[in-house]
Amino acid sequence: MYITGKNIRVIIPAFNEEASIGLVLKDVPELVREIIVISNNSTDQTESVAKKNGATVLSESNRGYGYACLKGMDYVSKLKEKTDIIVFLDGDYSDYPEELLKIIAPIVEDDIDFVIGARVKHLRERGSMTFPQIFGNWLATFLMKLMYGANYSDLGPFRAIKYDKLLALNMEDKTYGWTVEMQLKALKHKLKYTEVEVNYRNRIGKSKVSGTVKGAVMAGVKIIGWILKYAIRK
């Protein structure tokens, strides 16, 4: 289905999300043209559950959020059918997929290039974000404001971007730095961006990043590394 002529595809990286991926897919609005689930070396039934719920399922053996997103983008690039908007969404059911309509509205209605779902405190379920996540988001967005004059408040994974603008960013991060890389490059390319407030709940299952000390540290190092690298380039 289309909305005002827009062809929308959703990319969902997923690692061992068999308990949640079906719920995510059922809540994605029907106006979406295609949902692409990238099984990031899953060892459970993530792939079969996703297929049963109508998703296009790809497999990426290299572990990493960025690897999975790049796999999805590679698939989209080979389609003959035009893609107008790409939405990125997590597979753990922490986001509210039905809020995709809120995420894409600024693009469809106001010609915004890039929209981030901001997980604001008053819409977050208690415990849905760990202290390292909250502090890391604050620090990263503070540094981007200080160094680049950015108006970000979150590195939320639920986001939408015009497909042609996404291609122009030449995304490259393979792991934890995917979201901040996109936001930094959006600034560099002078994209029109905005945030919309979204609800956020406790994920199903254990987080592969914030749920472990190693994951939280590695994510923090990668995110700050991207910000500093861009400061040096600037």
C-alpha atoms as a PDB file:
ATOM      1  CA  MET A   1       0.000   0.000   0.000  1.00  0.00           C
ATOM      2  CA  TYR A   2       1.025   3.625  -0.484  1.00  0.00           C
ATOM      3  CA  ILE A   3       0.528   6.874   1.362  1.00  0.00           C
ATOM      4  CA  THR A   4       0.393   9.920  -0.906  1.00  0.00           C
ATOM      5  CA  GLY A   5       2.413   7.979  -3.452  1.00  0.00           C
ATOM      6  CA  LYS A   6       5.217   7.054  -1.044  1.00  0.00           C
ATOM      7  CA  ASN A   7       6.732   3.589  -1.145  1.00  0.00           C
ATOM      8  CA  ILE A   8       7.917   2.688   2.355  1.00  0.00           C
ATOM      9  CA  ARG A   9      10.162  -0.165   3.435  1.00  0.00           C
ATOM     10  CA  VAL A  10      11.078  -1.156   6.981  1.00  0.00           C
ATOM     11  CA  ILE A  11      14.430  -2.668   7.952  1.00  0.00           C
ATOM     12  CA  ILE A  12      14.542  -4.665  11.194  1.00  0.00           C
ATOM     13  CA  PRO A  13      17.852  -6.135  12.435  1.00  0.00           C
ATOM     14  CA  ALA A  14      17.169  -9.120  14.677  1.00  0.00           C
ATOM     15  CA  PHE A  15      19.334 -11.463  16.726  1.00  0.00           C
ATOM     16  CA  ASN A  16      17.476 -14.266  18.531  1.00  0.00           C
ATOM     17  CA  GLU A  17      14.160 -12.394  18.705  1.00  0.00           C
ATOM     18  CA  GLU A  18      11.761 -15.313  18.166  1.00  0.00           C
ATOM     19  CA  ALA A  19       9.658 -14.247  21.166  1.00  0.00           C
ATOM     20  CA  SER A  20       9.173 -10.686  19.959  1.00  0.00           C
ATOM     21  CA  ILE A  21       9.549 -10.453  16.188  1.00  0.00           C
ATOM     22  CA  GLY A  22       6.032 -11.723  15.474  1.00  0.00           C
ATOM     23  CA  LEU A  23       4.536  -9.035  17.719  1.00  0.00           C
ATOM     24  CA  VAL A  24       6.634  -6.359  16.025  1.00  0.00           C
ATOM     25  CA  LEU A  25       5.544  -7.431  12.542  1.00  0.00           C
ATOM     26  CA  LYS A  26       1.853  -7.599  13.454  1.00  0.00           C
ATOM     27  CA  ASP A  27       1.934  -4.001  14.723  1.00  0.00           C
ATOM     28  CA  VAL A  28       3.595  -2.451  11.671  1.00  0.00           C
ATOM     29  CA  PRO A  29       0.956  -0.402   9.782  1.00  0.00           C
ATOM     30  CA  GLU A  30      -0.358  -1.961   6.577  1.00  0.00           C
ATOM     31  CA  LEU A  31       0.663   1.044   4.477  1.00  0.00           C
ATOM     32  CA  VAL A  32       4.248  -0.270   4.497  1.00  0.00           C
ATOM     33  CA  ARG A  33       5.229  -1.822   1.179  1.00  0.00           C
ATOM     34  CA  GLU A  34       7.708  -4.349   2.569  1.00  0.00           C
ATOM     35  CA  ILE A  35       9.194  -5.343   5.925  1.00  0.00           C
ATOM     36  CA  ILE A  36      12.734  -6.698   5.761  1.00  0.00           C
ATOM     37  CA  VAL A  37      13.999  -8.671   8.749  1.00  0.00           C
ATOM     38  CA  ILE A  38      17.725  -9.340   8.843  1.00  0.00           C
ATOM     39  CA  SER A  39      18.551 -12.312  11.034  1.00  0.00           C
ATOM     40  CA  ASN A  40      21.937 -11.356  12.448  1.00  0.00           C
ATOM     41  CA  ASN A  41      23.319 -14.870  12.959  1.00  0.00           C
ATOM     42  CA  SER A  42      20.279 -15.948  14.994  1.00  0.00           C
ATOM     43  CA  THR A  43      20.305 -19.442  16.463  1.00  0.00           C
ATOM     44  CA  ASP A  44      16.626 -19.617  17.396  1.00  0.00           C
ATOM     45  CA  GLN A  45      13.404 -19.476  15.333  1.00  0.00           C
ATOM     46  CA  THR A  46      13.602 -15.756  14.499  1.00  0.00           C
ATOM     47  CA  GLU A  47      13.712 -16.417  10.761  1.00  0.00           C
ATOM     48  CA  SER A  48      10.787 -18.854  10.629  1.00  0.00           C
ATOM     49  CA  VAL A  49       8.584 -16.653  12.830  1.00  0.00           C
ATOM     50  CA  ALA A  50       9.369 -13.613  10.674  1.00  0.00           C
ATOM     51  CA  LYS A  51       8.542 -15.519   7.481  1.00  0.00           C
ATOM     52  CA  LYS A  52       5.242 -16.751   8.935  1.00  0.00           C
ATOM     53  CA  ASN A  53       4.321 -13.135   9.651  1.00  0.00           C
ATOM     54  CA  GLY A  54       4.937 -11.994   6.087  1.00  0.00           C
ATOM     55  CA  ALA A  55       8.394 -10.444   6.284  1.00  0.00           C
ATOM     56  CA  THR A  56      11.151 -10.709   3.721  1.00  0.00           C
ATOM     57  CA  VAL A  57      13.895 -12.488   5.659  1.00  0.00           C
ATOM     58  CA  LEU A  58      17.608 -12.089   5.007  1.00  0.00           C
ATOM     59  CA  SER A  59      20.532 -13.640   6.843  1.00  0.00           C
ATOM     60  CA  GLU A  60      23.711 -11.823   7.897  1.00  0.00           C
ATOM     61  CA  SER A  61      26.344 -14.013   9.544  1.00  0.00           C
ATOM     62  CA  ASN A  62      28.558 -11.125  10.657  1.00  0.00           C
ATOM     63  CA  ARG A  63      27.390 -10.037  14.093  1.00  0.00           C
ATOM     64  CA  GLY A  64      26.704  -6.327  14.403  1.00  0.00           C
ATOM     65  CA  TYR A  65      23.794  -3.901  14.116  1.00  0.00           C
ATOM     66  CA  GLY A  66      25.469  -2.043  11.272  1.00  0.00           C
ATOM     67  CA  TYR A  67      26.184  -5.255   9.372  1.00  0.00           C
ATOM     68  CA  ALA A  68      22.486  -6.126   9.515  1.00  0.00           C
ATOM     69  CA  CYS A  69      21.358  -2.666   8.399  1.00  0.00           C
ATOM     70  CA  LEU A  70      23.829  -2.651   5.518  1.00  0.00           C
ATOM     71  CA  LYS A  71      22.554  -6.068   4.442  1.00  0.00           C
ATOM     72  CA  GLY A  72      19.032  -4.686   4.300  1.00  0.00           C
ATOM     73  CA  MET A  73      20.162  -1.650   2.330  1.00  0.00           C
ATOM     74  CA  ASP A  74      22.003  -3.842  -0.149  1.00  0.00           C
ATOM     75  CA  TYR A  75      18.814  -5.816  -0.725  1.00  0.00           C
ATOM     76  CA  VAL A  76      16.768  -2.655  -1.296  1.00  0.00           C
ATOM     77  CA  SER A  77      19.354  -1.298  -3.744  1.00  0.00           C
ATOM     78  CA  LYS A  78      18.779  -4.292  -6.032  1.00  0.00           C
ATOM     79  CA  LEU A  79      15.007  -3.959  -6.236  1.00  0.00           C
ATOM     80  CA  LYS A  80      13.493  -2.742  -9.465  1.00  0.00           C
ATOM     81  CA  GLU A  81      10.661  -1.093  -7.606  1.00  0.00           C
ATOM     82  CA  LYS A  82      11.270   2.411  -6.300  1.00  0.00           C
ATOM     83  CA  THR A  83      11.753   3.024  -2.576  1.00  0.00           C
ATOM     84  CA  ASP A  84      10.952   6.464  -1.153  1.00  0.00           C
ATOM     85  CA  ILE A  85      11.335   6.066   2.609  1.00  0.00           C
ATOM     86  CA  ILE A  86      13.315   3.642   4.766  1.00  0.00           C
ATOM     87  CA  VAL A  87      12.276   3.076   8.375  1.00  0.00           C
ATOM     88  CA  PHE A  88      14.618   1.410  10.868  1.00  0.00           C
ATOM     89  CA  LEU A  89      13.006  -0.418  13.755  1.00  0.00           C
ATOM     90  CA  ASP A  90      14.256  -2.804  16.447  1.00  0.00           C
ATOM     91  CA  GLY A  91      13.011  -6.376  16.652  1.00  0.00           C
ATOM     92  CA  ASP A  92      12.712  -6.645  20.437  1.00  0.00           C
ATOM     93  CA  TYR A  93       9.282  -4.957  20.761  1.00  0.00           C
ATOM     94  CA  SER A  94      10.655  -2.059  22.818  1.00  0.00           C
ATOM     95  CA  ASP A  95       9.448   0.375  20.159  1.00  0.00           C
ATOM     96  CA  TYR A  96       5.784   0.760  19.243  1.00  0.00           C
ATOM     97  CA  PRO A  97       5.673  -0.178  15.535  1.00  0.00           C
ATOM     98  CA  GLU A  98       2.260   1.448  15.086  1.00  0.00           C
ATOM     99  CA  GLU A  99       3.948   4.797  15.764  1.00  0.00           C
ATOM    100  CA  LEU A 100       5.609   4.479  12.384  1.00  0.00           C
ATOM    101  CA  LEU A 101       2.864   6.823  11.198  1.00  0.00           C
ATOM    102  CA  LYS A 102       4.224   9.505  13.550  1.00  0.00           C
ATOM    103  CA  ILE A 103       7.765   8.847  12.389  1.00  0.00           C
ATOM    104  CA  ILE A 104       7.083   9.266   8.689  1.00  0.00           C
ATOM    105  CA  ALA A 105       4.580  12.141   8.998  1.00  0.00           C
ATOM    106  CA  PRO A 106       7.203  14.944   8.903  1.00  0.00           C
ATOM    107  CA  ILE A 107       8.679  13.427   5.729  1.00  0.00           C
ATOM    108  CA  VAL A 108       5.337  13.012   3.979  1.00  0.00           C
ATOM    109  CA  GLU A 109       3.705  16.228   5.164  1.00  0.00           C
ATOM    110  CA  ASP A 110       6.606  18.668   5.646  1.00  0.00           C
ATOM    111  CA  ASP A 111       9.319  17.360   3.299  1.00  0.00           C
ATOM    112  CA  ILE A 112      11.696  16.640   6.184  1.00  0.00           C
ATOM    113  CA  ASP A 113      14.610  14.381   5.174  1.00  0.00           C
ATOM    114  CA  PHE A 114      15.317  12.520   8.392  1.00  0.00           C
ATOM    115  CA  VAL A 115      13.224  11.800  11.502  1.00  0.00           C
ATOM    116  CA  ILE A 116      14.314  10.283  14.825  1.00  0.00           C
ATOM    117  CA  GLY A 117      11.938   8.768  17.346  1.00  0.00           C
ATOM    118  CA  ALA A 118      12.943  10.390  20.643  1.00  0.00           C
ATOM    119  CA  ARG A 119      12.454   8.165  23.683  1.00  0.00           C
ATOM    120  CA  VAL A 120      11.460  10.950  26.058  1.00  0.00           C
ATOM    121  CA  LYS A 121      11.280  10.261  29.778  1.00  0.00           C
ATOM    122  CA  HIS A 122       7.541  10.775  30.220  1.00  0.00           C
ATOM    123  CA  LEU A 123       6.772   8.226  27.490  1.00  0.00           C
ATOM    124  CA  ARG A 124       9.297   5.597  28.606  1.00  0.00           C
ATOM    125  CA  GLU A 125       8.211   2.615  30.625  1.00  0.00           C
ATOM    126  CA  ARG A 126      10.091   2.370  33.896  1.00  0.00           C
ATOM    127  CA  GLY A 127      13.283   0.357  33.466  1.00  0.00           C
ATOM    128  CA  SER A 128      13.118   0.350  29.668  1.00  0.00           C
ATOM    129  CA  MET A 129      16.414   2.234  29.401  1.00  0.00           C
ATOM    130  CA  THR A 130      19.397   1.486  31.621  1.00  0.00           C
ATOM    131  CA  PHE A 131      21.497   4.181  33.280  1.00  0.00           C
ATOM    132  CA  PRO A 132      24.370   3.650  30.780  1.00  0.00           C
ATOM    133  CA  GLN A 133      21.888   4.154  27.926  1.00  0.00           C
ATOM    134  CA  ILE A 134      20.416   7.311  29.426  1.00  0.00           C
ATOM    135  CA  PHE A 135      23.821   8.788  30.256  1.00  0.00           C
ATOM    136  CA  GLY A 136      25.297   7.747  26.925  1.00  0.00           C
ATOM    137  CA  ASN A 137      22.452   9.377  25.007  1.00  0.00           C
ATOM    138  CA  TRP A 138      22.816  12.558  27.025  1.00  0.00           C
ATOM    139  CA  LEU A 139      26.579  12.704  26.545  1.00  0.00           C
ATOM    140  CA  ALA A 140      26.465  11.950  22.819  1.00  0.00           C
ATOM    141  CA  THR A 141      23.745  14.488  22.055  1.00  0.00           C
ATOM    142  CA  PHE A 142      25.408  17.084  24.289  1.00  0.00           C
ATOM    143  CA  LEU A 143      28.704  16.668  22.436  1.00  0.00           C
ATOM    144  CA  MET A 144      26.986  16.907  19.055  1.00  0.00           C
ATOM    145  CA  LYS A 145      25.257  20.095  20.161  1.00  0.00           C
ATOM    146  CA  LEU A 146      28.504  21.525  21.533  1.00  0.00           C
ATOM    147  CA  MET A 147      30.619  20.629  18.504  1.00  0.00           C
ATOM    148  CA  TYR A 148      28.162  20.897  15.633  1.00  0.00           C
ATOM    149  CA  GLY A 149      25.172  22.868  16.901  1.00  0.00           C
ATOM    150  CA  ALA A 150      22.914  19.802  16.553  1.00  0.00           C
ATOM    151  CA  ASN A 151      19.436  19.661  18.037  1.00  0.00           C
ATOM    152  CA  TYR A 152      19.324  15.969  18.890  1.00  0.00           C
ATOM    153  CA  SER A 153      18.087  14.613  22.213  1.00  0.00           C
ATOM    154  CA  ASP A 154      18.349  10.886  21.515  1.00  0.00           C
ATOM    155  CA  LEU A 155      20.083   8.203  19.435  1.00  0.00           C
ATOM    156  CA  GLY A 156      16.826   6.282  19.153  1.00  0.00           C
ATOM    157  CA  PRO A 157      16.853   3.318  16.742  1.00  0.00           C
ATOM    158  CA  PHE A 158      13.279   3.975  15.532  1.00  0.00           C
ATOM    159  CA  ARG A 159      13.879   6.386  12.657  1.00  0.00           C
ATOM    160  CA  ALA A 160      12.890   7.188   9.089  1.00  0.00           C
ATOM    161  CA  ILE A 161      14.822   8.743   6.247  1.00  0.00           C
ATOM    162  CA  LYS A 162      14.270   9.472   2.564  1.00  0.00           C
ATOM    163  CA  TYR A 163      15.925   6.657   0.653  1.00  0.00           C
ATOM    164  CA  ASP A 164      17.935   8.885  -1.674  1.00  0.00           C
ATOM    165  CA  LYS A 165      19.239  10.860   1.303  1.00  0.00           C
ATOM    166  CA  LEU A 166      20.229   7.637   3.066  1.00  0.00           C
ATOM    167  CA  LEU A 167      22.243   6.516   0.043  1.00  0.00           C
ATOM    168  CA  ALA A 168      24.042   9.862  -0.038  1.00  0.00           C
ATOM    169  CA  LEU A 169      25.261   9.337   3.547  1.00  0.00           C
ATOM    170  CA  ASN A 170      27.381   6.374   2.428  1.00  0.00           C
ATOM    171  CA  MET A 171      26.868   4.542   5.720  1.00  0.00           C
ATOM    172  CA  GLU A 172      29.761   2.359   6.810  1.00  0.00           C
ATOM    173  CA  ASP A 173      29.695   1.484  10.525  1.00  0.00           C
ATOM    174  CA  LYS A 174      29.278  -2.253  11.084  1.00  0.00           C
ATOM    175  CA  THR A 175      28.421  -2.387  14.773  1.00  0.00           C
ATOM    176  CA  TYR A 176      27.404  -0.047  17.582  1.00  0.00           C
ATOM    177  CA  GLY A 177      28.042   3.277  15.853  1.00  0.00           C
ATOM    178  CA  TRP A 178      25.347   3.016  13.179  1.00  0.00           C
ATOM    179  CA  THR A 179      22.828   5.418  14.732  1.00  0.00           C
ATOM    180  CA  VAL A 180      25.279   8.150  15.670  1.00  0.00           C
ATOM    181  CA  GLU A 181      27.041   7.864  12.301  1.00  0.00           C
ATOM    182  CA  MET A 182      23.728   8.533  10.559  1.00  0.00           C
ATOM    183  CA  GLN A 183      23.046  11.559  12.744  1.00  0.00           C
ATOM    184  CA  LEU A 184      26.527  13.000  12.256  1.00  0.00           C
ATOM    185  CA  LYS A 185      26.400  12.515   8.506  1.00  0.00           C
ATOM    186  CA  ALA A 186      22.926  14.053   8.389  1.00  0.00           C
ATOM    187  CA  LEU A 187      24.510  17.188   9.854  1.00  0.00           C
ATOM    188  CA  LYS A 188      27.402  17.064   7.403  1.00  0.00           C
ATOM    189  CA  HIS A 189      25.038  16.723   4.435  1.00  0.00           C
ATOM    190  CA  LYS A 190      22.778  19.454   5.834  1.00  0.00           C
ATOM    191  CA  LEU A 191      19.692  17.255   5.847  1.00  0.00           C
ATOM    192  CA  LYS A 192      16.457  18.667   7.169  1.00  0.00           C
ATOM    193  CA  TYR A 193      15.861  16.679  10.342  1.00  0.00           C
ATOM    194  CA  THR A 194      13.544  16.589  13.319  1.00  0.00           C
ATOM    195  CA  GLU A 195      12.562  14.412  16.257  1.00  0.00           C
ATOM    196  CA  VAL A 196       9.146  13.133  17.276  1.00  0.00           C
ATOM    197  CA  GLU A 197       8.356  11.853  20.747  1.00  0.00           C
ATOM    198  CA  VAL A 198       7.692   8.123  20.864  1.00  0.00           C
ATOM    199  CA  ASN A 199       6.700   5.608  23.516  1.00  0.00           C
ATOM    200  CA  TYR A 200       9.235   3.056  24.686  1.00  0.00           C
ATOM    201  CA  ARG A 201       8.757  -0.106  26.757  1.00  0.00           C
ATOM    202  CA  ASN A 202      10.835  -2.860  28.289  1.00  0.00           C
ATOM    203  CA  ARG A 203      12.129  -5.122  25.567  1.00  0.00           C
ATOM    204  CA  ILE A 204      11.310  -8.817  25.362  1.00  0.00           C
ATOM    205  CA  GLY A 205      14.428 -10.792  26.255  1.00  0.00           C
ATOM    206  CA  LYS A 206      17.876  -9.547  27.252  1.00  0.00           C
ATOM    207  CA  SER A 207      19.565  -6.677  25.480  1.00  0.00           C
ATOM    208  CA  LYS A 208      22.658  -7.645  23.503  1.00  0.00           C
ATOM    209  CA  VAL A 209      24.184  -4.209  24.080  1.00  0.00           C
ATOM    210  CA  SER A 210      22.944  -2.397  27.179  1.00  0.00           C
ATOM    211  CA  GLY A 211      22.231  -5.699  28.937  1.00  0.00           C
ATOM    212  CA  THR A 212      25.930  -6.495  29.301  1.00  0.00           C
ATOM    213  CA  VAL A 213      28.842  -4.494  30.683  1.00  0.00           C
ATOM    214  CA  LYS A 214      30.964  -5.311  27.634  1.00  0.00           C
ATOM    215  CA  GLY A 215      28.193  -4.283  25.239  1.00  0.00           C
ATOM    216  CA  ALA A 216      27.547  -0.998  27.030  1.00  0.00           C
ATOM    217  CA  VAL A 217      31.256  -0.107  27.132  1.00  0.00           C
ATOM    218  CA  MET A 218      31.864  -1.052  23.501  1.00  0.00           C
ATOM    219  CA  ALA A 219      28.826   0.921  22.350  1.00  0.00           C
ATOM    220  CA  GLY A 220      29.942   3.961  24.333  1.00  0.00           C
ATOM    221  CA  VAL A 221      33.468   3.824  22.928  1.00  0.00           C
ATOM    222  CA  LYS A 222      32.212   3.493  19.351  1.00  0.00           C
ATOM    223  CA  ILE A 223      29.680   6.329  19.687  1.00  0.00           C
ATOM    224  CA  ILE A 224      32.123   8.788  21.254  1.00  0.00           C
ATOM    225  CA  GLY A 225      34.732   7.696  18.721  1.00  0.00           C
ATOM    226  CA  TRP A 226      32.497   8.684  15.817  1.00  0.00           C
ATOM    227  CA  ILE A 227      31.789  12.087  17.355  1.00  0.00           C
ATOM    228  CA  LEU A 228      35.469  12.818  17.965  1.00  0.00           C
ATOM    229  CA  LYS A 229      36.449  11.570  14.525  1.00  0.00           C
ATOM    230  CA  TYR A 230      34.076  14.026  12.924  1.00  0.00           C
ATOM    231  CA  ALA A 231      35.424  16.809  15.126  1.00  0.00           C
ATOM    232  CA  ILE A 232      38.944  16.078  13.861  1.00  0.00           C
ATOM    233  CA  ARG A 233      37.779  15.985  10.250  1.00  0.00           C
ATOM    234  CA  LYS A 234      35.981  19.278  10.736  1.00  0.00           C
END
